[in-house]
């Protein structure tokens, strides 16, 4: 990234950082995952130093808003499966017990 960049989030594992990167890029926000793990030779540095997600300074507000939405817990109420009567957390669309889709 050649323009001025800012760190908008820090992660302890690369898959989580890459998922956030993919979400931002899907919205047209250029970003980059940066790590200080010495090319994989010292992976413990990802935990101590963190894996940074950086964006151009002009995209910071939009990126932070998007990431906040990703991290917000789903507040959907639980639902009762019409097939088996099991209570299922609201953020799921398929019953964990009988695999029926939410009706």
Foldseek 3Di string as FASTA:
>chain_A
DPADKDFQDFALDDVVLVVLCVVCVVVVFHKDKDFDCVVVPRSVRCRVVTITIMGHPVCNVVSNVVVVVVPDDDPACWDAAPPPRDTGHRVDQADPPPRHGND
